[in-house]
Amino acid sequence: MTPSDQPIGNSSLRMPAAYAVMLFTPLLFASNGVIGRATVAEVSPFTLAFLRWGACAIILLPFVLRSGRESLELVKERPGTILALGFLGMWLSGAGFYASLQYTTATNATMIYTTSPLFIILLERILFARAIRGREVIGIAVSFAGVAAILFQGSLTKLLSGSLNIGDLGVVIAAASWAGYSIIFRGPRLSRVPIMALFGLVCASGALLLLPVAAFEYISGARMPASAAAWQGIAGIIVFSSLLAFTGFQLGLRLLGASVTGIFMYLMPVYGVVLAYLFLGERLQTHHVVGIALVLGGVLMATLPSRRN
């Protein structure tokens, strides 16, 4: 493990709790696709994303105020960085993901989104000339073969004709956007700000960028939350898919280290498939099974450390 991967607080009492939290955290992240798929039928995607991240920004405001000087200095020094994080993480990966869910299933979306770690490897290669090992190349190729199986539903005819579901393609873009967000978010300058305060600033940035499109949706008469079910869906996304999921992930990083925490996150597509079946009635088909096996196998091959302490 590198120093940044070292877990903190190895007491016999805290570690079992940390593992329990990390078994539950991927379920919270996976709930976003399922709740979002149900809620976007009643709430327009940019309005849904604006309400999500605007509420998170308000809830996290005390953390921003508590950090005081550090947050203010970061906003003054790196306003473009904060806006870029809001655009990549909340605009493209948030509203873009919800817009895509109007055209694809939660099962497809969750599986495709699992490839985000591979986009991190590719973007680091493009932006920072990061060396890519042979095992990573093979893993990326295998995983994207799984994505192709999902995109083209295992049909050679659809593959040859280039027939794509626009929703699936949108999720691919959202996954790549989240990879860009992840690279910027762990920058050295940003790490000087307390994590919850930084997240609050990014949520506020995302809400600010989403506001014009959400206002246009409202003026144009797009779907607005009017039913109890819609507001329950919004509340679920805010509490479970955002605040609790992010808090659990950060707790895992602190107590178990980045490598172990990352392994637990591979449970997300499994949880997503089960949730989509239970709550949306989505059926697992043959191309899904092939796709998830290739995607998870490729991601594990490309991202798991070759040696463990």
C-alpha atoms as a PDB file:
ATOM      1  CA  MET A   1       0.000   0.000   0.000  1.00  0.00           C
ATOM      2  CA  THR A   2       1.065   3.573  -0.590  1.00  0.00           C
ATOM      3  CA  PRO A   3       0.880   6.004   2.369  1.00  0.00           C
ATOM      4  CA  SER A   4      -2.390   7.434   1.047  1.00  0.00           C
ATOM      5  CA  ASP A   5      -3.866   3.939   0.996  1.00  0.00           C
ATOM      6  CA  GLN A   6      -3.030   3.147   4.606  1.00  0.00           C
ATOM      7  CA  PRO A   7      -6.112   2.673   6.790  1.00  0.00           C
ATOM      8  CA  ILE A   8      -6.539   4.778   9.903  1.00  0.00           C
ATOM      9  CA  GLY A   9      -7.815   3.566  13.243  1.00  0.00           C
ATOM     10  CA  ASN A  10      -7.180  -0.192  13.265  1.00  0.00           C
ATOM     11  CA  SER A  11      -8.937  -0.908  16.556  1.00  0.00           C
ATOM     12  CA  SER A  12     -10.725  -4.235  16.869  1.00  0.00           C
ATOM     13  CA  LEU A  13     -13.971  -2.410  17.569  1.00  0.00           C
ATOM     14  CA  ARG A  14     -13.895   0.022  14.654  1.00  0.00           C
ATOM     15  CA  MET A  15     -12.815  -2.311  11.864  1.00  0.00           C
ATOM     16  CA  PRO A  16     -15.873  -4.633  11.849  1.00  0.00           C
ATOM     17  CA  ALA A  17     -18.084  -1.534  11.763  1.00  0.00           C
ATOM     18  CA  ALA A  18     -16.073  -0.153   8.854  1.00  0.00           C
ATOM     19  CA  TYR A  19     -16.493  -3.389   6.887  1.00  0.00           C
ATOM     20  CA  ALA A  20     -20.227  -3.370   7.624  1.00  0.00           C
ATOM     21  CA  VAL A  21     -20.477   0.208   6.371  1.00  0.00           C
ATOM     22  CA  MET A  22     -18.614  -0.677   3.183  1.00  0.00           C
ATOM     23  CA  LEU A  23     -20.947  -3.599   2.510  1.00  0.00           C
ATOM     24  CA  PHE A  24     -23.847  -1.148   2.692  1.00  0.00           C
ATOM     25  CA  THR A  25     -22.288   1.849   0.883  1.00  0.00           C
ATOM     26  CA  PRO A  26     -22.337   0.350  -2.655  1.00  0.00           C
ATOM     27  CA  LEU A  27     -26.038  -0.373  -2.113  1.00  0.00           C
ATOM     28  CA  LEU A  28     -26.591   3.330  -1.390  1.00  0.00           C
ATOM     29  CA  PHE A  29     -24.744   4.348  -4.560  1.00  0.00           C
ATOM     30  CA  ALA A  30     -26.660   1.749  -6.608  1.00  0.00           C
ATOM     31  CA  SER A  31     -29.961   3.163  -5.346  1.00  0.00           C
ATOM     32  CA  ASN A  32     -29.370   6.300  -7.428  1.00  0.00           C
ATOM     33  CA  GLY A  33     -30.033   4.474 -10.689  1.00  0.00           C
ATOM     34  CA  VAL A  34     -33.160   2.740  -9.407  1.00  0.00           C
ATOM     35  CA  ILE A  35     -34.697   5.713  -7.587  1.00  0.00           C
ATOM     36  CA  GLY A  36     -33.666   8.017 -10.425  1.00  0.00           C
ATOM     37  CA  ARG A  37     -35.239   5.745 -13.047  1.00  0.00           C
ATOM     38  CA  ALA A  38     -38.549   5.842 -11.154  1.00  0.00           C
ATOM     39  CA  THR A  39     -38.428   9.554 -10.293  1.00  0.00           C
ATOM     40  CA  VAL A  40     -37.366  10.921 -13.680  1.00  0.00           C
ATOM     41  CA  ALA A  41     -40.741   9.779 -15.016  1.00  0.00           C
ATOM     42  CA  GLU A  42     -42.306  12.491 -12.834  1.00  0.00           C
ATOM     43  CA  VAL A  43     -39.524  15.098 -12.581  1.00  0.00           C
ATOM     44  CA  SER A  44     -37.451  16.508 -15.453  1.00  0.00           C
ATOM     45  CA  PRO A  45     -33.782  15.464 -15.236  1.00  0.00           C
ATOM     46  CA  PHE A  46     -32.149  18.855 -14.709  1.00  0.00           C
ATOM     47  CA  THR A  47     -34.768  19.854 -12.150  1.00  0.00           C
ATOM     48  CA  LEU A  48     -34.189  16.560 -10.336  1.00  0.00           C
ATOM     49  CA  ALA A  49     -30.416  17.095 -10.333  1.00  0.00           C
ATOM     50  CA  PHE A  50     -30.803  20.746  -9.233  1.00  0.00           C
ATOM     51  CA  LEU A  51     -33.017  19.792  -6.298  1.00  0.00           C
ATOM     52  CA  ARG A  52     -30.622  17.003  -5.336  1.00  0.00           C
ATOM     53  CA  TRP A  53     -27.432  19.024  -5.291  1.00  0.00           C
ATOM     54  CA  GLY A  54     -29.046  22.257  -4.101  1.00  0.00           C
ATOM     55  CA  ALA A  55     -30.412  20.442  -1.053  1.00  0.00           C
ATOM     56  CA  CYS A  56     -27.043  18.789  -0.427  1.00  0.00           C
ATOM     57  CA  ALA A  57     -25.321  22.191  -0.606  1.00  0.00           C
ATOM     58  CA  ILE A  58     -27.712  23.610   1.995  1.00  0.00           C
ATOM     59  CA  ILE A  59     -27.292  20.610   4.311  1.00  0.00           C
ATOM     60  CA  LEU A  60     -23.489  20.800   4.021  1.00  0.00           C
ATOM     61  CA  LEU A  61     -23.355  24.585   4.511  1.00  0.00           C
ATOM     62  CA  PRO A  62     -22.363  24.275   8.214  1.00  0.00           C
ATOM     63  CA  PHE A  63     -19.253  22.316   7.177  1.00  0.00           C
ATOM     64  CA  VAL A  64     -18.344  25.031   4.659  1.00  0.00           C
ATOM     65  CA  LEU A  65     -18.825  27.777   7.257  1.00  0.00           C
ATOM     66  CA  ARG A  66     -16.830  25.834   9.833  1.00  0.00           C
ATOM     67  CA  SER A  67     -13.872  25.553   7.470  1.00  0.00           C
ATOM     68  CA  GLY A  68     -14.148  29.322   6.948  1.00  0.00           C
ATOM     69  CA  ARG A  69     -10.826  30.587   5.685  1.00  0.00           C
ATOM     70  CA  GLU A  70      -9.788  27.419   3.817  1.00  0.00           C
ATOM     71  CA  SER A  71     -13.018  27.332   1.799  1.00  0.00           C
ATOM     72  CA  LEU A  72     -12.887  31.053   1.019  1.00  0.00           C
ATOM     73  CA  GLU A  73      -9.264  30.872  -0.109  1.00  0.00           C
ATOM     74  CA  LEU A  74     -10.008  27.911  -2.358  1.00  0.00           C
ATOM     75  CA  VAL A  75     -12.943  29.697  -4.010  1.00  0.00           C
ATOM     76  CA  LYS A  76     -10.760  32.767  -4.615  1.00  0.00           C
ATOM     77  CA  GLU A  77      -7.753  30.808  -5.890  1.00  0.00           C
ATOM     78  CA  ARG A  78      -9.489  28.068  -7.904  1.00  0.00           C
ATOM     79  CA  PRO A  79     -12.979  29.182  -8.970  1.00  0.00           C
ATOM     80  CA  GLY A  80     -12.550  27.439 -12.323  1.00  0.00           C
ATOM     81  CA  THR A  81     -11.674  24.164 -10.629  1.00  0.00           C
ATOM     82  CA  ILE A  82     -14.756  24.285  -8.407  1.00  0.00           C
ATOM     83  CA  LEU A  83     -16.954  25.061 -11.415  1.00  0.00           C
ATOM     84  CA  ALA A  84     -15.335  22.245 -13.414  1.00  0.00           C
ATOM     85  CA  LEU A  85     -16.094  19.803 -10.594  1.00  0.00           C
ATOM     86  CA  GLY A  86     -19.698  21.004 -10.492  1.00  0.00           C
ATOM     87  CA  PHE A  87     -20.045  20.609 -14.253  1.00  0.00           C
ATOM     88  CA  LEU A  88     -18.452  17.163 -14.486  1.00  0.00           C
ATOM     89  CA  GLY A  89     -19.850  15.653 -11.298  1.00  0.00           C
ATOM     90  CA  MET A  90     -23.296  17.244 -10.995  1.00  0.00           C
ATOM     91  CA  TRP A  91     -24.201  18.524 -14.479  1.00  0.00           C
ATOM     92  CA  LEU A  92     -22.938  15.759 -16.801  1.00  0.00           C
ATOM     93  CA  SER A  93     -22.743  12.870 -14.334  1.00  0.00           C
ATOM     94  CA  GLY A  94     -25.842  14.032 -12.464  1.00  0.00           C
ATOM     95  CA  ALA A  95     -28.414  15.528 -14.803  1.00  0.00           C
ATOM     96  CA  GLY A  96     -26.901  13.733 -17.801  1.00  0.00           C
ATOM     97  CA  PHE A  97     -27.301  10.409 -16.013  1.00  0.00           C
ATOM     98  CA  TYR A  98     -30.954  11.145 -15.183  1.00  0.00           C
ATOM     99  CA  ALA A  99     -31.642  12.263 -18.743  1.00  0.00           C
ATOM    100  CA  SER A 100     -30.177   8.970 -19.988  1.00  0.00           C
ATOM    101  CA  LEU A 101     -32.403   6.985 -17.617  1.00  0.00           C
ATOM    102  CA  GLN A 102     -35.399   8.175 -19.639  1.00  0.00           C
ATOM    103  CA  TYR A 103     -34.200   5.937 -22.493  1.00  0.00           C
ATOM    104  CA  THR A 104     -32.435   2.994 -20.836  1.00  0.00           C
ATOM    105  CA  THR A 105     -32.916   0.683 -17.882  1.00  0.00           C
ATOM    106  CA  ALA A 106     -31.440   1.027 -14.396  1.00  0.00           C
ATOM    107  CA  THR A 107     -29.763  -2.352 -14.965  1.00  0.00           C
ATOM    108  CA  ASN A 108     -27.922  -1.153 -18.079  1.00  0.00           C
ATOM    109  CA  ALA A 109     -27.040   2.180 -16.500  1.00  0.00           C
ATOM    110  CA  THR A 110     -25.543   0.641 -13.353  1.00  0.00           C
ATOM    111  CA  MET A 111     -23.466  -1.885 -15.293  1.00  0.00           C
ATOM    112  CA  ILE A 112     -22.102   0.687 -17.751  1.00  0.00           C
ATOM    113  CA  TYR A 113     -21.314   3.184 -14.986  1.00  0.00           C
ATOM    114  CA  THR A 114     -19.065   0.563 -13.359  1.00  0.00           C
ATOM    115  CA  THR A 115     -16.462   1.280 -16.073  1.00  0.00           C
ATOM    116  CA  SER A 116     -15.666   4.689 -14.574  1.00  0.00           C
ATOM    117  CA  PRO A 117     -12.340   3.472 -13.029  1.00  0.00           C
ATOM    118  CA  LEU A 118     -11.183   2.479 -16.511  1.00  0.00           C
ATOM    119  CA  PHE A 119     -11.865   5.974 -17.812  1.00  0.00           C
ATOM    120  CA  ILE A 120      -9.702   7.272 -14.963  1.00  0.00           C
ATOM    121  CA  ILE A 121      -6.795   5.171 -16.264  1.00  0.00           C
ATOM    122  CA  LEU A 122      -7.364   6.373 -19.842  1.00  0.00           C
ATOM    123  CA  LEU A 123      -7.728  10.046 -18.881  1.00  0.00           C
ATOM    124  CA  GLU A 124      -4.583   9.919 -16.748  1.00  0.00           C
ATOM    125  CA  ARG A 125      -2.771   8.458 -19.759  1.00  0.00           C
ATOM    126  CA  ILE A 126      -4.054  11.261 -22.027  1.00  0.00           C
ATOM    127  CA  LEU A 127      -3.610  14.148 -19.585  1.00  0.00           C
ATOM    128  CA  PHE A 128      -0.549  13.115 -17.570  1.00  0.00           C
ATOM    129  CA  ALA A 129       1.194  10.560 -19.806  1.00  0.00           C
ATOM    130  CA  ARG A 130       0.608   7.874 -17.183  1.00  0.00           C
ATOM    131  CA  ALA A 131       2.133   4.534 -18.169  1.00  0.00           C
ATOM    132  CA  ILE A 132      -0.437   1.776 -18.739  1.00  0.00           C
ATOM    133  CA  ARG A 133       0.581  -1.763 -17.838  1.00  0.00           C
ATOM    134  CA  GLY A 134      -0.204  -4.746 -20.026  1.00  0.00           C
ATOM    135  CA  ARG A 135      -2.667  -6.107 -17.466  1.00  0.00           C
ATOM    136  CA  GLU A 136      -4.521  -2.785 -17.539  1.00  0.00           C
ATOM    137  CA  VAL A 137      -4.736  -2.826 -21.342  1.00  0.00           C
ATOM    138  CA  ILE A 138      -6.217  -6.325 -21.284  1.00  0.00           C
ATOM    139  CA  GLY A 139      -8.624  -5.391 -18.497  1.00  0.00           C
ATOM    140  CA  ILE A 140      -9.814  -2.297 -20.352  1.00  0.00           C
ATOM    141  CA  ALA A 141     -10.357  -4.293 -23.555  1.00  0.00           C
ATOM    142  CA  VAL A 142     -12.289  -7.032 -21.722  1.00  0.00           C
ATOM    143  CA  SER A 143     -14.428  -4.541 -19.833  1.00  0.00           C
ATOM    144  CA  PHE A 144     -15.335  -2.514 -22.899  1.00  0.00           C
ATOM    145  CA  ALA A 145     -16.235  -5.756 -24.673  1.00  0.00           C
ATOM    146  CA  GLY A 146     -18.734  -6.221 -21.848  1.00  0.00           C
ATOM    147  CA  VAL A 147     -20.045  -2.703 -22.387  1.00  0.00           C
ATOM    148  CA  ALA A 148     -20.471  -3.513 -26.091  1.00  0.00           C
ATOM    149  CA  ALA A 149     -22.445  -6.633 -25.156  1.00  0.00           C
ATOM    150  CA  ILE A 150     -24.777  -4.421 -23.118  1.00  0.00           C
ATOM    151  CA  LEU A 151     -24.971  -1.596 -25.660  1.00  0.00           C
ATOM    152  CA  PHE A 152     -25.799  -3.919 -28.566  1.00  0.00           C
ATOM    153  CA  GLN A 153     -27.781  -6.399 -26.442  1.00  0.00           C
ATOM    154  CA  GLY A 154     -25.520  -9.239 -27.546  1.00  0.00           C
ATOM    155  CA  SER A 155     -26.784  -8.878 -31.122  1.00  0.00           C
ATOM    156  CA  LEU A 156     -24.260  -9.090 -33.964  1.00  0.00           C
ATOM    157  CA  THR A 157     -26.794  -7.420 -36.258  1.00  0.00           C
ATOM    158  CA  LYS A 158     -27.062  -4.386 -33.990  1.00  0.00           C
ATOM    159  CA  LEU A 159     -23.280  -4.271 -33.643  1.00  0.00           C
ATOM    160  CA  LEU A 160     -22.726  -4.265 -37.402  1.00  0.00           C
ATOM    161  CA  SER A 161     -25.465  -1.705 -38.002  1.00  0.00           C
ATOM    162  CA  GLY A 162     -24.149   0.558 -35.253  1.00  0.00           C
ATOM    163  CA  SER A 163     -27.585   0.738 -33.671  1.00  0.00           C
ATOM    164  CA  LEU A 164     -27.196   2.322 -30.230  1.00  0.00           C
ATOM    165  CA  ASN A 165     -29.601   3.220 -27.464  1.00  0.00           C
ATOM    166  CA  ILE A 166     -29.074   6.936 -26.820  1.00  0.00           C
ATOM    167  CA  GLY A 167     -29.611   6.359 -23.096  1.00  0.00           C
ATOM    168  CA  ASP A 168     -26.809   3.794 -22.906  1.00  0.00           C
ATOM    169  CA  LEU A 169     -24.508   6.149 -24.796  1.00  0.00           C
ATOM    170  CA  GLY A 170     -25.405   8.934 -22.372  1.00  0.00           C
ATOM    171  CA  VAL A 171     -24.418   6.743 -19.423  1.00  0.00           C
ATOM    172  CA  VAL A 172     -21.034   6.076 -21.076  1.00  0.00           C
ATOM    173  CA  ILE A 173     -20.508   9.861 -21.251  1.00  0.00           C
ATOM    174  CA  ALA A 174     -21.615  10.212 -17.610  1.00  0.00           C
ATOM    175  CA  ALA A 175     -19.129   7.510 -16.528  1.00  0.00           C
ATOM    176  CA  ALA A 176     -16.285   9.247 -18.368  1.00  0.00           C
ATOM    177  CA  SER A 177     -17.333  12.559 -16.829  1.00  0.00           C
ATOM    178  CA  TRP A 178     -17.279  11.057 -13.338  1.00  0.00           C
ATOM    179  CA  ALA A 179     -13.756   9.810 -14.022  1.00  0.00           C
ATOM    180  CA  GLY A 180     -12.693  13.370 -14.858  1.00  0.00           C
ATOM    181  CA  TYR A 181     -14.391  14.604 -11.692  1.00  0.00           C
ATOM    182  CA  SER A 182     -12.553  11.982  -9.605  1.00  0.00           C
ATOM    183  CA  ILE A 183      -9.151  12.973 -11.009  1.00  0.00           C
ATOM    184  CA  ILE A 184      -9.681  16.673 -10.280  1.00  0.00           C
ATOM    185  CA  PHE A 185     -11.293  16.076  -6.870  1.00  0.00           C
ATOM    186  CA  ARG A 186      -8.198  14.365  -5.452  1.00  0.00           C
ATOM    187  CA  GLY A 187      -5.856  17.197  -6.505  1.00  0.00           C
ATOM    188  CA  PRO A 188      -3.268  18.303  -3.906  1.00  0.00           C
ATOM    189  CA  ARG A 189      -4.633  21.826  -3.514  1.00  0.00           C
ATOM    190  CA  LEU A 190      -8.167  20.602  -2.893  1.00  0.00           C
ATOM    191  CA  SER A 191      -7.017  18.142  -0.229  1.00  0.00           C
ATOM    192  CA  ARG A 192      -6.192  21.060   2.093  1.00  0.00           C
ATOM    193  CA  VAL A 193      -9.913  21.745   2.542  1.00  0.00           C
ATOM    194  CA  PRO A 194     -11.908  19.424   4.861  1.00  0.00           C
ATOM    195  CA  ILE A 195     -13.641  16.813   2.730  1.00  0.00           C
ATOM    196  CA  MET A 196     -17.238  17.625   3.703  1.00  0.00           C
ATOM    197  CA  ALA A 197     -16.636  21.359   3.211  1.00  0.00           C
ATOM    198  CA  LEU A 198     -15.139  20.676  -0.224  1.00  0.00           C
ATOM    199  CA  PHE A 199     -18.093  18.480  -1.139  1.00  0.00           C
ATOM    200  CA  GLY A 200     -20.447  21.258  -0.029  1.00  0.00           C
ATOM    201  CA  LEU A 201     -18.673  23.768  -2.279  1.00  0.00           C
ATOM    202  CA  VAL A 202     -18.858  21.377  -5.235  1.00  0.00           C
ATOM    203  CA  CYS A 203     -22.567  20.720  -4.602  1.00  0.00           C
ATOM    204  CA  ALA A 204     -23.199  24.470  -4.581  1.00  0.00           C
ATOM    205  CA  SER A 205     -21.226  24.851  -7.810  1.00  0.00           C
ATOM    206  CA  GLY A 206     -23.231  22.066  -9.446  1.00  0.00           C
ATOM    207  CA  ALA A 207     -26.549  23.554  -8.303  1.00  0.00           C
ATOM    208  CA  LEU A 208     -25.525  26.958  -9.666  1.00  0.00           C
ATOM    209  CA  LEU A 209     -24.684  25.477 -13.087  1.00  0.00           C
ATOM    210  CA  LEU A 210     -27.880  23.408 -13.134  1.00  0.00           C
ATOM    211  CA  LEU A 211     -30.132  26.350 -12.206  1.00  0.00           C
ATOM    212  CA  PRO A 212     -30.455  27.936 -15.711  1.00  0.00           C
ATOM    213  CA  VAL A 213     -31.501  24.649 -17.344  1.00  0.00           C
ATOM    214  CA  ALA A 214     -33.808  23.757 -14.452  1.00  0.00           C
ATOM    215  CA  ALA A 215     -35.405  27.227 -14.740  1.00  0.00           C
ATOM    216  CA  PHE A 216     -35.887  26.662 -18.484  1.00  0.00           C
ATOM    217  CA  GLU A 217     -37.563  23.322 -17.756  1.00  0.00           C
ATOM    218  CA  TYR A 218     -39.928  25.042 -15.336  1.00  0.00           C
ATOM    219  CA  ILE A 219     -40.777  27.893 -17.738  1.00  0.00           C
ATOM    220  CA  SER A 220     -41.322  25.495 -20.639  1.00  0.00           C
ATOM    221  CA  GLY A 221     -43.784  23.422 -18.626  1.00  0.00           C
ATOM    222  CA  ALA A 222     -41.614  20.345 -18.185  1.00  0.00           C
ATOM    223  CA  ARG A 223     -42.356  17.754 -15.508  1.00  0.00           C
ATOM    224  CA  MET A 224     -42.184  19.186 -11.988  1.00  0.00           C
ATOM    225  CA  PRO A 225     -42.510  17.270  -8.695  1.00  0.00           C
ATOM    226  CA  ALA A 226     -46.211  17.313  -7.881  1.00  0.00           C
ATOM    227  CA  SER A 227     -46.918  13.974  -6.206  1.00  0.00           C
ATOM    228  CA  ALA A 228     -45.875  12.496  -2.890  1.00  0.00           C
ATOM    229  CA  ALA A 229     -44.034   9.742  -4.771  1.00  0.00           C
ATOM    230  CA  ALA A 230     -41.948  12.308  -6.659  1.00  0.00           C
ATOM    231  CA  TRP A 231     -40.907  14.094  -3.473  1.00  0.00           C
ATOM    232  CA  GLN A 232     -40.171  10.780  -1.786  1.00  0.00           C
ATOM    233  CA  GLY A 233     -37.917   9.864  -4.711  1.00  0.00           C
ATOM    234  CA  ILE A 234     -36.101  13.206  -4.469  1.00  0.00           C
ATOM    235  CA  ALA A 235     -35.674  12.770  -0.704  1.00  0.00           C
ATOM    236  CA  GLY A 236     -34.336   9.240  -1.220  1.00  0.00           C
ATOM    237  CA  ILE A 237     -31.761  10.440  -3.735  1.00  0.00           C
ATOM    238  CA  ILE A 238     -30.647  13.275  -1.442  1.00  0.00           C
ATOM    239  CA  VAL A 239     -30.401  11.192   1.744  1.00  0.00           C
ATOM    240  CA  PHE A 240     -29.415   7.713   0.537  1.00  0.00           C
ATOM    241  CA  SER A 241     -27.721   8.165  -2.857  1.00  0.00           C
ATOM    242  CA  SER A 242     -25.890  11.371  -1.958  1.00  0.00           C
ATOM    243  CA  LEU A 243     -25.242  12.203   1.706  1.00  0.00           C
ATOM    244  CA  LEU A 244     -25.135   8.718   3.252  1.00  0.00           C
ATOM    245  CA  ALA A 245     -23.377   7.143   0.248  1.00  0.00           C
ATOM    246  CA  PHE A 246     -20.654   9.796   0.171  1.00  0.00           C
ATOM    247  CA  THR A 247     -20.209   9.699   3.974  1.00  0.00           C
ATOM    248  CA  GLY A 248     -19.887   5.905   3.946  1.00  0.00           C
ATOM    249  CA  PHE A 249     -17.332   6.060   1.136  1.00  0.00           C
ATOM    250  CA  GLN A 250     -15.214   8.636   2.973  1.00  0.00           C
ATOM    251  CA  LEU A 251     -15.405   6.565   6.175  1.00  0.00           C
ATOM    252  CA  GLY A 252     -14.169   3.550   4.227  1.00  0.00           C
ATOM    253  CA  LEU A 253     -11.232   5.525   2.840  1.00  0.00           C
ATOM    254  CA  ARG A 254     -10.304   6.711   6.330  1.00  0.00           C
ATOM    255  CA  LEU A 255     -10.578   3.378   8.156  1.00  0.00           C
ATOM    256  CA  LEU A 256      -9.747   0.788   5.476  1.00  0.00           C
ATOM    257  CA  GLY A 257      -7.691   2.654   2.873  1.00  0.00           C
ATOM    258  CA  ALA A 258      -8.350   3.366  -0.795  1.00  0.00           C
ATOM    259  CA  SER A 259      -7.481  -0.092  -2.142  1.00  0.00           C
ATOM    260  CA  VAL A 260      -9.842  -2.059   0.125  1.00  0.00           C
ATOM    261  CA  THR A 261     -12.606   0.533  -0.228  1.00  0.00           C
ATOM    262  CA  GLY A 262     -12.353   0.337  -4.011  1.00  0.00           C
ATOM    263  CA  ILE A 263     -12.818  -3.437  -3.930  1.00  0.00           C
ATOM    264  CA  PHE A 264     -16.081  -3.079  -2.010  1.00  0.00           C
ATOM    265  CA  MET A 265     -17.392  -0.666  -4.664  1.00  0.00           C
ATOM    266  CA  TYR A 266     -17.392  -3.501  -7.202  1.00  0.00           C
ATOM    267  CA  LEU A 267     -20.523  -4.709  -5.428  1.00  0.00           C
ATOM    268  CA  MET A 268     -22.449  -1.748  -6.877  1.00  0.00           C
ATOM    269  CA  PRO A 269     -23.577  -3.378 -10.168  1.00  0.00           C
ATOM    270  CA  VAL A 270     -24.662  -6.521  -8.295  1.00  0.00           C
ATOM    271  CA  TYR A 271     -26.775  -4.442  -5.925  1.00  0.00           C
ATOM    272  CA  GLY A 272     -28.076  -2.405  -8.842  1.00  0.00           C
ATOM    273  CA  VAL A 273     -29.297  -5.467 -10.722  1.00  0.00           C
ATOM    274  CA  VAL A 274     -31.074  -6.810  -7.629  1.00  0.00           C
ATOM    275  CA  LEU A 275     -32.702  -3.453  -6.828  1.00  0.00           C
ATOM    276  CA  ALA A 276     -33.856  -2.996 -10.434  1.00  0.00           C
ATOM    277  CA  TYR A 277     -35.428  -6.447 -10.358  1.00  0.00           C
ATOM    278  CA  LEU A 278     -37.142  -5.965  -6.990  1.00  0.00           C
ATOM    279  CA  PHE A 279     -38.448  -2.411  -7.425  1.00  0.00           C
ATOM    280  CA  LEU A 280     -38.689  -1.844 -11.188  1.00  0.00           C
ATOM    281  CA  GLY A 281     -39.404  -5.360 -12.417  1.00  0.00           C
ATOM    282  CA  GLU A 282     -36.415  -5.297 -14.788  1.00  0.00           C
ATOM    283  CA  ARG A 283     -35.340  -8.746 -15.959  1.00  0.00           C
ATOM    284  CA  LEU A 284     -31.766  -9.948 -16.207  1.00  0.00           C
ATOM    285  CA  GLN A 285     -31.150 -11.171 -19.760  1.00  0.00           C
ATOM    286  CA  THR A 286     -28.341 -13.215 -21.279  1.00  0.00           C
ATOM    287  CA  HIS A 287     -26.462 -10.202 -22.631  1.00  0.00           C
ATOM    288  CA  HIS A 288     -26.623  -8.642 -19.156  1.00  0.00           C
ATOM    289  CA  VAL A 289     -24.980 -11.715 -17.617  1.00  0.00           C
ATOM    290  CA  VAL A 290     -22.251 -11.735 -20.275  1.00  0.00           C
ATOM    291  CA  GLY A 291     -21.823  -7.978 -19.951  1.00  0.00           C
ATOM    292  CA  ILE A 292     -21.516  -7.878 -16.180  1.00  0.00           C
ATOM    293  CA  ALA A 293     -19.050 -10.801 -16.179  1.00  0.00           C
ATOM    294  CA  LEU A 294     -16.824  -9.053 -18.739  1.00  0.00           C
ATOM    295  CA  VAL A 295     -17.172  -5.581 -17.210  1.00  0.00           C
ATOM    296  CA  LEU A 296     -16.425  -6.664 -13.642  1.00  0.00           C
ATOM    297  CA  GLY A 297     -13.678  -9.052 -14.750  1.00  0.00           C
ATOM    298  CA  GLY A 298     -12.023  -6.351 -16.834  1.00  0.00           C
ATOM    299  CA  VAL A 299     -12.320  -3.663 -14.165  1.00  0.00           C
ATOM    300  CA  LEU A 300     -10.881  -5.987 -11.509  1.00  0.00           C
ATOM    301  CA  MET A 301      -8.023  -6.980 -13.796  1.00  0.00           C
ATOM    302  CA  ALA A 302      -7.203  -3.362 -14.618  1.00  0.00           C
ATOM    303  CA  THR A 303      -7.553  -1.782 -11.185  1.00  0.00           C
ATOM    304  CA  LEU A 304      -6.693  -4.311  -8.470  1.00  0.00           C
ATOM    305  CA  PRO A 305      -3.131  -3.915  -7.159  1.00  0.00           C
ATOM    306  CA  SER A 306      -0.753  -6.581  -8.387  1.00  0.00           C
ATOM    307  CA  ARG A 307       0.782  -6.960  -4.943  1.00  0.00           C
ATOM    308  CA  ARG A 308      -0.878  -6.653  -1.537  1.00  0.00           C
ATOM    309  CA  ASN A 309       0.773  -5.894   1.810  1.00  0.00           C
END
